[in-house]
Amino acid sequence: MRGRKEIPPGPEGPFSIPQAARLLGLPYETVDHWARTGLIRPSLKPSGGRGVWRKFSFPDLVALRVATKLRAHGIAAQTIRRIVARLPKEALVHPLAEHRLVVWGTDVLLVEGKAHWSMRHKPGQGVLVELLPLVKKLRADVARVAQRRIA
């Protein structure tokens, strides 16, 4: 950033890589690498050669945050790329930022209304997530019965 004066971004951007990194609490190198490799492409200004800063929009920052959360759950960057490629893209500019994704165990689920679709292990296969609360309640009931037997 030597010799360059950054203009503070408005609420929707543009955000430079250093600004995005600061806002997201990520190393500059991570944001730069993801932008260079196309994991999250800056939509306002892609790289235009040496010395030209890429510029992110606010939805780009949301996509970067989602990628960061997925990485924190152990999802590899290459897997995130595959997930983004599988996401429905009809009329979406930022699929990673505009879809609701949930990490469930080692899978990533796309949530559409009450439907949940595997995006990692069995892409496109529906998942019965509604079963999870029932299993948790059943485990609690079993533990309660076991406690009564001991007492």
N, C-alpha and C. Protein backbone atom coordinates (compact mmCIF):
# COMPACT_ATOMS: atom_id res chain seq x y z
N MET A 1 0.82 -1.19 0.00
CA MET A 1 0.00 0.00 0.00
C MET A 1 0.87 1.25 0.00
N ARG A 2 2.17 1.08 -0.06
CA ARG A 2 3.10 2.19 -0.06
C ARG A 2 2.84 3.13 -1.23
N GLY A 3 2.77 4.45 -0.93
CA GLY A 3 2.62 5.43 -1.99
C GLY A 3 1.22 5.57 -2.54
N ARG A 4 0.29 4.78 -2.07
CA ARG A 4 -1.09 4.85 -2.55
C ARG A 4 -1.99 5.32 -1.44
N LYS A 5 -2.86 6.24 -1.75
CA LYS A 5 -3.83 6.68 -0.75
C LYS A 5 -5.17 6.03 -1.09
N GLU A 6 -5.68 5.26 -0.13
CA GLU A 6 -6.96 4.60 -0.37
C GLU A 6 -8.11 5.53 -0.04
N ILE A 7 -9.11 5.50 -0.88
CA ILE A 7 -10.33 6.26 -0.63
C ILE A 7 -11.24 5.37 0.20
N PRO A 8 -11.77 5.89 1.32
CA PRO A 8 -12.67 5.06 2.13
C PRO A 8 -13.88 4.62 1.30
N PRO A 9 -14.25 3.35 1.41
CA PRO A 9 -15.38 2.86 0.63
C PRO A 9 -16.71 3.32 1.21
N GLY A 10 -17.71 3.37 0.34
CA GLY A 10 -19.07 3.60 0.81
C GLY A 10 -19.62 2.28 1.32
N PRO A 11 -20.88 2.24 1.74
CA PRO A 11 -21.44 1.00 2.29
C PRO A 11 -21.49 -0.14 1.28
N GLU A 12 -21.53 0.15 0.00
CA GLU A 12 -21.59 -0.91 -1.02
C GLU A 12 -20.25 -1.10 -1.72
N GLY A 13 -19.24 -0.36 -1.31
CA GLY A 13 -17.92 -0.50 -1.92
C GLY A 13 -17.55 0.74 -2.69
N PRO A 14 -16.53 0.70 -3.47
CA PRO A 14 -15.65 -0.44 -3.71
C PRO A 14 -14.69 -0.68 -2.55
N PHE A 15 -14.31 -1.94 -2.37
CA PHE A 15 -13.38 -2.34 -1.32
C PHE A 15 -12.15 -2.94 -1.98
N SER A 16 -10.99 -2.43 -1.63
CA SER A 16 -9.73 -2.99 -2.14
C SER A 16 -9.43 -4.27 -1.37
N ILE A 17 -8.44 -5.00 -1.82
CA ILE A 17 -8.05 -6.23 -1.11
C ILE A 17 -7.63 -5.92 0.32
N PRO A 18 -6.80 -4.88 0.56
CA PRO A 18 -6.44 -4.58 1.96
C PRO A 18 -7.66 -4.24 2.82
N GLN A 19 -8.60 -3.48 2.25
CA GLN A 19 -9.81 -3.12 3.01
C GLN A 19 -10.66 -4.36 3.28
N ALA A 20 -10.82 -5.21 2.27
CA ALA A 20 -11.61 -6.44 2.45
C ALA A 20 -10.96 -7.33 3.50
N ALA A 21 -9.65 -7.46 3.43
CA ALA A 21 -8.93 -8.30 4.39
C ALA A 21 -9.13 -7.78 5.81
N ARG A 22 -9.01 -6.48 6.00
CA ARG A 22 -9.21 -5.88 7.33
C ARG A 22 -10.63 -6.11 7.83
N LEU A 23 -11.61 -5.85 6.96
CA LEU A 23 -13.01 -6.00 7.36
C LEU A 23 -13.36 -7.44 7.74
N LEU A 24 -12.76 -8.40 7.05
CA LEU A 24 -13.09 -9.80 7.27
C LEU A 24 -12.15 -10.49 8.26
N GLY A 25 -11.11 -9.77 8.69
CA GLY A 25 -10.16 -10.36 9.63
C GLY A 25 -9.33 -11.46 8.99
N LEU A 26 -9.05 -11.32 7.71
CA LEU A 26 -8.27 -12.31 6.97
C LEU A 26 -6.91 -11.72 6.60
N PRO A 27 -5.92 -12.57 6.42
CA PRO A 27 -4.64 -12.07 5.90
C PRO A 27 -4.83 -11.54 4.47
N TYR A 28 -4.10 -10.49 4.15
CA TYR A 28 -4.12 -9.92 2.80
C TYR A 28 -3.86 -11.02 1.77
N GLU A 29 -2.88 -11.88 2.07
CA GLU A 29 -2.47 -12.93 1.14
C GLU A 29 -3.61 -13.88 0.81
N THR A 30 -4.46 -14.17 1.78
CA THR A 30 -5.59 -15.07 1.55
C THR A 30 -6.58 -14.45 0.57
N VAL A 31 -6.97 -13.20 0.82
CA VAL A 31 -7.93 -12.53 -0.07
C VAL A 31 -7.33 -12.38 -1.46
N ASP A 32 -6.06 -12.01 -1.53
CA ASP A 32 -5.39 -11.85 -2.81
C ASP A 32 -5.35 -13.19 -3.56
N HIS A 33 -5.00 -14.26 -2.86
CA HIS A 33 -4.94 -15.59 -3.49
C HIS A 33 -6.31 -16.02 -4.00
N TRP A 34 -7.35 -15.85 -3.19
CA TRP A 34 -8.70 -16.24 -3.62
C TRP A 34 -9.15 -15.42 -4.83
N ALA A 35 -8.77 -14.15 -4.87
CA ALA A 35 -9.13 -13.31 -6.02
C ALA A 35 -8.34 -13.75 -7.26
N ARG A 36 -7.04 -13.99 -7.11
CA ARG A 36 -6.20 -14.40 -8.25
C ARG A 36 -6.61 -15.75 -8.81
N THR A 37 -7.01 -16.67 -7.93
CA THR A 37 -7.35 -18.02 -8.39
C THR A 37 -8.82 -18.17 -8.77
N GLY A 38 -9.60 -17.11 -8.57
CA GLY A 38 -10.99 -17.14 -9.00
C GLY A 38 -11.97 -17.76 -8.02
N LEU A 39 -11.54 -18.02 -6.79
CA LEU A 39 -12.50 -18.55 -5.80
C LEU A 39 -13.60 -17.52 -5.59
N ILE A 40 -13.21 -16.29 -5.34
CA ILE A 40 -14.15 -15.16 -5.24
C ILE A 40 -13.62 -14.08 -6.16
N ARG A 41 -14.30 -13.83 -7.24
CA ARG A 41 -13.85 -12.82 -8.20
C ARG A 41 -14.39 -11.45 -7.81
N PRO A 42 -13.52 -10.43 -7.78
CA PRO A 42 -14.00 -9.08 -7.49
C PRO A 42 -14.89 -8.59 -8.63
N SER A 43 -16.10 -8.19 -8.33
CA SER A 43 -17.05 -7.85 -9.40
C SER A 43 -16.94 -6.40 -9.86
N LEU A 44 -16.39 -5.51 -9.03
CA LEU A 44 -16.33 -4.11 -9.43
C LEU A 44 -15.13 -3.79 -10.31
N LYS A 45 -13.99 -4.43 -10.01
CA LYS A 45 -12.81 -4.18 -10.82
C LYS A 45 -11.88 -5.38 -10.72
N PRO A 46 -11.86 -6.21 -11.76
CA PRO A 46 -10.91 -7.32 -11.75
C PRO A 46 -9.50 -6.78 -11.96
N SER A 47 -8.55 -7.62 -11.79
CA SER A 47 -7.16 -7.21 -11.98
C SER A 47 -6.96 -6.73 -13.41
N GLY A 48 -6.25 -5.62 -13.53
CA GLY A 48 -5.99 -5.08 -14.86
C GLY A 48 -4.51 -5.03 -15.14
N GLY A 49 -3.75 -5.85 -14.45
CA GLY A 49 -2.30 -5.85 -14.65
C GLY A 49 -1.59 -5.40 -13.40
N ARG A 50 -0.31 -5.31 -13.50
CA ARG A 50 0.54 -4.95 -12.36
C ARG A 50 0.19 -3.56 -11.84
N GLY A 51 0.01 -3.46 -10.53
CA GLY A 51 -0.26 -2.17 -9.90
C GLY A 51 -1.72 -1.76 -9.89
N VAL A 52 -2.59 -2.57 -10.45
CA VAL A 52 -4.03 -2.24 -10.46
C VAL A 52 -4.72 -3.07 -9.39
N TRP A 53 -5.36 -2.41 -8.46
CA TRP A 53 -6.03 -3.11 -7.38
C TRP A 53 -7.39 -3.63 -7.81
N ARG A 54 -7.65 -4.85 -7.42
CA ARG A 54 -8.98 -5.41 -7.63
C ARG A 54 -9.93 -4.71 -6.66
N LYS A 55 -11.19 -4.57 -7.07
CA LYS A 55 -12.17 -3.90 -6.20
C LYS A 55 -13.39 -4.80 -6.01
N PHE A 56 -13.72 -5.01 -4.75
CA PHE A 56 -14.85 -5.86 -4.37
C PHE A 56 -16.08 -5.01 -4.06
N SER A 57 -17.25 -5.59 -4.32
CA SER A 57 -18.52 -5.00 -3.91
C SER A 57 -18.90 -5.58 -2.54
N PHE A 58 -19.96 -5.04 -1.94
CA PHE A 58 -20.42 -5.60 -0.66
C PHE A 58 -20.84 -7.06 -0.82
N PRO A 59 -21.62 -7.43 -1.87
CA PRO A 59 -21.94 -8.86 -2.05
C PRO A 59 -20.69 -9.73 -2.22
N ASP A 60 -19.63 -9.18 -2.82
CA ASP A 60 -18.37 -9.95 -2.90
C ASP A 60 -17.84 -10.23 -1.49
N LEU A 61 -17.95 -9.23 -0.59
CA LEU A 61 -17.50 -9.42 0.79
C LEU A 61 -18.33 -10.51 1.47
N VAL A 62 -19.63 -10.54 1.19
CA VAL A 62 -20.49 -11.59 1.76
C VAL A 62 -20.01 -12.96 1.28
N ALA A 63 -19.71 -13.06 -0.02
CA ALA A 63 -19.22 -14.33 -0.57
C ALA A 63 -17.88 -14.71 0.06
N LEU A 64 -17.00 -13.72 0.28
CA LEU A 64 -15.72 -13.98 0.95
C LEU A 64 -15.96 -14.49 2.38
N ARG A 65 -16.93 -13.89 3.07
CA ARG A 65 -17.25 -14.31 4.44
C ARG A 65 -17.77 -15.75 4.45
N VAL A 66 -18.64 -16.08 3.50
CA VAL A 66 -19.17 -17.45 3.41
C VAL A 66 -18.02 -18.43 3.15
N ALA A 67 -17.13 -18.09 2.23
CA ALA A 67 -15.98 -18.95 1.94
C ALA A 67 -15.12 -19.12 3.19
N THR A 68 -14.94 -18.04 3.94
CA THR A 68 -14.15 -18.10 5.18
C THR A 68 -14.79 -19.04 6.19
N LYS A 69 -16.10 -18.96 6.33
CA LYS A 69 -16.81 -19.84 7.28
C LYS A 69 -16.73 -21.30 6.82
N LEU A 70 -16.86 -21.54 5.54
CA LEU A 70 -16.74 -22.91 5.03
C LEU A 70 -15.33 -23.45 5.29
N ARG A 71 -14.31 -22.61 5.06
CA ARG A 71 -12.93 -23.03 5.33
C ARG A 71 -12.75 -23.33 6.82
N ALA A 72 -13.36 -22.52 7.68
CA ALA A 72 -13.26 -22.73 9.13
C ALA A 72 -13.88 -24.07 9.54
N HIS A 73 -14.82 -24.56 8.75
CA HIS A 73 -15.44 -25.87 9.02
C HIS A 73 -14.69 -27.01 8.32
N GLY A 74 -13.52 -26.71 7.79
CA GLY A 74 -12.70 -27.75 7.20
C GLY A 74 -12.99 -28.05 5.73
N ILE A 75 -13.76 -27.20 5.08
CA ILE A 75 -14.06 -27.41 3.67
C ILE A 75 -12.92 -26.80 2.85
N ALA A 76 -12.27 -27.59 2.03
CA ALA A 76 -11.13 -27.13 1.24
C ALA A 76 -11.56 -26.12 0.17
N ALA A 77 -10.65 -25.23 -0.19
CA ALA A 77 -10.95 -24.22 -1.21
C ALA A 77 -11.37 -24.87 -2.53
N GLN A 78 -10.72 -25.97 -2.90
CA GLN A 78 -11.08 -26.66 -4.14
C GLN A 78 -12.51 -27.21 -4.06
N THR A 79 -12.91 -27.68 -2.89
CA THR A 79 -14.27 -28.17 -2.69
C THR A 79 -15.27 -27.01 -2.78
N ILE A 80 -14.89 -25.86 -2.23
CA ILE A 80 -15.77 -24.68 -2.33
C ILE A 80 -15.96 -24.31 -3.80
N ARG A 81 -14.90 -24.39 -4.59
CA ARG A 81 -15.03 -24.10 -6.03
C ARG A 81 -16.04 -25.05 -6.69
N ARG A 82 -15.94 -26.35 -6.33
CA ARG A 82 -16.88 -27.33 -6.90
C ARG A 82 -18.31 -27.03 -6.46
N ILE A 83 -18.47 -26.66 -5.20
CA ILE A 83 -19.81 -26.33 -4.69
C ILE A 83 -20.38 -25.14 -5.44
N VAL A 84 -19.57 -24.10 -5.62
CA VAL A 84 -20.03 -22.90 -6.35
C VAL A 84 -20.43 -23.29 -7.77
N ALA A 85 -19.67 -24.18 -8.41
CA ALA A 85 -20.00 -24.61 -9.77
C ALA A 85 -21.32 -25.37 -9.81
N ARG A 86 -21.68 -26.04 -8.71
CA ARG A 86 -22.92 -26.83 -8.66
C ARG A 86 -24.14 -26.01 -8.24
N LEU A 87 -23.93 -24.84 -7.66
CA LEU A 87 -25.06 -24.04 -7.19
C LEU A 87 -25.89 -23.56 -8.36
N PRO A 88 -27.23 -23.53 -8.19
CA PRO A 88 -28.07 -22.96 -9.25
C PRO A 88 -27.69 -21.50 -9.47
N LYS A 89 -27.61 -21.09 -10.72
CA LYS A 89 -27.13 -19.75 -11.02
C LYS A 89 -28.16 -18.86 -11.70
N GLU A 90 -29.38 -19.32 -11.83
CA GLU A 90 -30.36 -18.53 -12.56
C GLU A 90 -30.51 -17.13 -11.93
N ALA A 91 -30.14 -16.14 -12.71
CA ALA A 91 -30.27 -14.72 -12.37
C ALA A 91 -29.51 -14.33 -11.10
N LEU A 92 -28.49 -15.10 -10.73
CA LEU A 92 -27.71 -14.75 -9.56
C LEU A 92 -26.35 -14.22 -9.99
N VAL A 93 -25.93 -13.15 -9.36
CA VAL A 93 -24.63 -12.57 -9.63
C VAL A 93 -23.59 -13.20 -8.71
N HIS A 94 -23.97 -13.45 -7.47
CA HIS A 94 -23.06 -13.98 -6.44
C HIS A 94 -23.66 -15.25 -5.83
N PRO A 95 -23.54 -16.40 -6.51
CA PRO A 95 -24.18 -17.63 -6.00
C PRO A 95 -23.78 -17.97 -4.56
N LEU A 96 -22.52 -17.78 -4.20
CA LEU A 96 -22.08 -18.13 -2.85
C LEU A 96 -22.69 -17.20 -1.81
N ALA A 97 -22.96 -15.96 -2.19
CA ALA A 97 -23.52 -14.98 -1.26
C ALA A 97 -25.05 -15.00 -1.25
N GLU A 98 -25.66 -15.50 -2.32
CA GLU A 98 -27.11 -15.40 -2.45
C GLU A 98 -27.87 -16.68 -2.12
N HIS A 99 -27.16 -17.76 -1.88
CA HIS A 99 -27.79 -19.02 -1.48
C HIS A 99 -27.59 -19.22 0.01
N ARG A 100 -28.48 -19.99 0.59
CA ARG A 100 -28.34 -20.34 2.01
C ARG A 100 -27.65 -21.70 2.10
N LEU A 101 -26.45 -21.70 2.65
CA LEU A 101 -25.68 -22.93 2.79
C LEU A 101 -25.52 -23.26 4.26
N VAL A 102 -25.55 -24.55 4.57
CA VAL A 102 -25.40 -25.02 5.94
C VAL A 102 -24.37 -26.14 5.93
N VAL A 103 -23.42 -26.07 6.87
CA VAL A 103 -22.48 -27.17 7.03
C VAL A 103 -23.14 -28.17 7.97
N TRP A 104 -23.23 -29.42 7.51
CA TRP A 104 -23.87 -30.48 8.30
C TRP A 104 -22.92 -31.66 8.33
N GLY A 105 -22.23 -31.83 9.42
CA GLY A 105 -21.20 -32.85 9.50
C GLY A 105 -20.06 -32.48 8.55
N THR A 106 -19.81 -33.35 7.59
CA THR A 106 -18.77 -33.06 6.60
C THR A 106 -19.35 -32.64 5.26
N ASP A 107 -20.66 -32.45 5.21
CA ASP A 107 -21.32 -32.05 3.97
C ASP A 107 -21.69 -30.57 4.04
N VAL A 108 -21.95 -30.01 2.88
CA VAL A 108 -22.48 -28.65 2.77
C VAL A 108 -23.83 -28.79 2.09
N LEU A 109 -24.86 -28.24 2.75
CA LEU A 109 -26.22 -28.37 2.23
C LEU A 109 -26.70 -27.04 1.68
N LEU A 110 -27.39 -27.10 0.56
CA LEU A 110 -28.09 -25.95 0.00
C LEU A 110 -29.50 -26.00 0.54
N VAL A 111 -29.94 -24.92 1.17
CA VAL A 111 -31.28 -24.87 1.76
C VAL A 111 -32.17 -24.03 0.84
N GLU A 112 -33.26 -24.64 0.38
CA GLU A 112 -34.25 -23.96 -0.46
C GLU A 112 -35.61 -24.22 0.16
N GLY A 113 -36.13 -23.25 0.87
CA GLY A 113 -37.39 -23.45 1.59
C GLY A 113 -37.18 -24.52 2.65
N LYS A 114 -37.97 -25.60 2.57
CA LYS A 114 -37.82 -26.69 3.53
C LYS A 114 -36.96 -27.82 2.98
N ALA A 115 -36.51 -27.67 1.73
CA ALA A 115 -35.68 -28.71 1.11
C ALA A 115 -34.21 -28.44 1.38
N HIS A 116 -33.45 -29.51 1.57
CA HIS A 116 -32.01 -29.44 1.79
C HIS A 116 -31.34 -30.37 0.78
N TRP A 117 -30.34 -29.84 0.07
CA TRP A 117 -29.68 -30.61 -0.98
C TRP A 117 -28.19 -30.71 -0.69
N SER A 118 -27.66 -31.91 -0.79
CA SER A 118 -26.23 -32.12 -0.61
C SER A 118 -25.48 -31.44 -1.75
N MET A 119 -24.44 -30.71 -1.42
CA MET A 119 -23.63 -30.05 -2.44
C MET A 119 -22.21 -30.61 -2.49
N ARG A 120 -21.88 -31.50 -1.54
CA ARG A 120 -20.52 -32.00 -1.48
C ARG A 120 -20.44 -33.50 -1.73
N HIS A 121 -21.07 -34.29 -0.87
CA HIS A 121 -20.91 -35.74 -0.97
C HIS A 121 -21.76 -36.38 -2.06
N LYS A 122 -23.02 -35.99 -2.12
CA LYS A 122 -23.92 -36.54 -3.14
C LYS A 122 -24.67 -35.37 -3.77
N PRO A 123 -23.98 -34.62 -4.63
CA PRO A 123 -24.57 -33.40 -5.18
C PRO A 123 -25.96 -33.62 -5.76
N GLY A 124 -26.88 -32.76 -5.33
CA GLY A 124 -28.24 -32.81 -5.84
C GLY A 124 -29.16 -33.74 -5.09
N GLN A 125 -28.63 -34.57 -4.21
CA GLN A 125 -29.47 -35.49 -3.45
C GLN A 125 -30.11 -34.76 -2.29
N GLY A 126 -31.40 -34.98 -2.09
CA GLY A 126 -32.12 -34.38 -0.97
C GLY A 126 -31.69 -35.00 0.34
N VAL A 127 -31.75 -34.21 1.40
CA VAL A 127 -31.36 -34.66 2.73
C VAL A 127 -32.50 -34.37 3.69
N LEU A 128 -32.83 -35.33 4.54
CA LEU A 128 -33.89 -35.14 5.52
C LEU A 128 -33.31 -34.52 6.80
N VAL A 129 -33.13 -33.22 6.79
CA VAL A 129 -32.56 -32.54 7.95
C VAL A 129 -33.58 -32.47 9.08
N GLU A 130 -34.85 -32.47 8.75
CA GLU A 130 -35.89 -32.38 9.78
C GLU A 130 -35.78 -33.53 10.77
N LEU A 131 -35.11 -34.61 10.39
CA LEU A 131 -34.92 -35.75 11.24
C LEU A 131 -34.00 -35.44 12.42
N LEU A 132 -33.09 -34.52 12.24
CA LEU A 132 -32.10 -34.20 13.26
C LEU A 132 -32.73 -33.79 14.60
N PRO A 133 -33.70 -32.87 14.64
CA PRO A 133 -34.31 -32.54 15.93
C PRO A 133 -34.99 -33.74 16.59
N LEU A 134 -35.56 -34.62 15.78
CA LEU A 134 -36.21 -35.81 16.34
C LEU A 134 -35.18 -36.73 16.99
N VAL A 135 -34.03 -36.90 16.35
CA VAL A 135 -32.97 -37.75 16.89
C VAL A 135 -32.44 -37.15 18.19
N LYS A 136 -32.24 -35.83 18.21
CA LYS A 136 -31.75 -35.18 19.43
C LYS A 136 -32.73 -35.37 20.59
N LYS A 137 -34.03 -35.20 20.31
CA LYS A 137 -35.04 -35.38 21.35
C LYS A 137 -35.06 -36.82 21.84
N LEU A 138 -34.97 -37.76 20.90
CA LEU A 138 -34.97 -39.17 21.27
C LEU A 138 -33.76 -39.50 22.16
N ARG A 139 -32.58 -38.96 21.82
CA ARG A 139 -31.39 -39.19 22.65
C ARG A 139 -31.59 -38.63 24.05
N ALA A 140 -32.18 -37.45 24.15
CA ALA A 140 -32.44 -36.84 25.46
C ALA A 140 -33.42 -37.69 26.26
N ASP A 141 -34.46 -38.22 25.57
CA ASP A 141 -35.43 -39.09 26.25
C ASP A 141 -34.77 -40.36 26.75
N VAL A 142 -33.91 -40.97 25.93
CA VAL A 142 -33.21 -42.19 26.32
C VAL A 142 -32.31 -41.90 27.53
N ALA A 143 -31.60 -40.79 27.51
CA ALA A 143 -30.73 -40.43 28.63
C ALA A 143 -31.54 -40.22 29.91
N ARG A 144 -32.71 -39.60 29.79
CA ARG A 144 -33.59 -39.37 30.94
C ARG A 144 -34.08 -40.69 31.53
N VAL A 145 -34.47 -41.63 30.67
CA VAL A 145 -34.93 -42.94 31.12
C VAL A 145 -33.77 -43.68 31.79
N ALA A 146 -32.58 -43.60 31.21
CA ALA A 146 -31.41 -44.25 31.78
C ALA A 146 -31.11 -43.68 33.17
N GLN A 147 -31.26 -42.38 33.35
CA GLN A 147 -31.02 -41.73 34.65
C GLN A 147 -32.02 -42.26 35.70
N ARG A 148 -33.27 -42.44 35.30
CA ARG A 148 -34.29 -42.95 36.20
C ARG A 148 -33.95 -44.36 36.66
N ARG A 149 -33.44 -45.17 35.76
CA ARG A 149 -33.09 -46.56 36.10
C ARG A 149 -31.94 -46.60 37.13
N ILE A 150 -31.01 -45.67 36.99
CA ILE A 150 -29.87 -45.63 37.91
C ILE A 150 -30.32 -45.18 39.28
N ALA A 151 -31.26 -44.24 39.32
CA ALA A 151 -31.70 -43.67 40.61
C ALA A 151 -32.62 -44.55 41.37
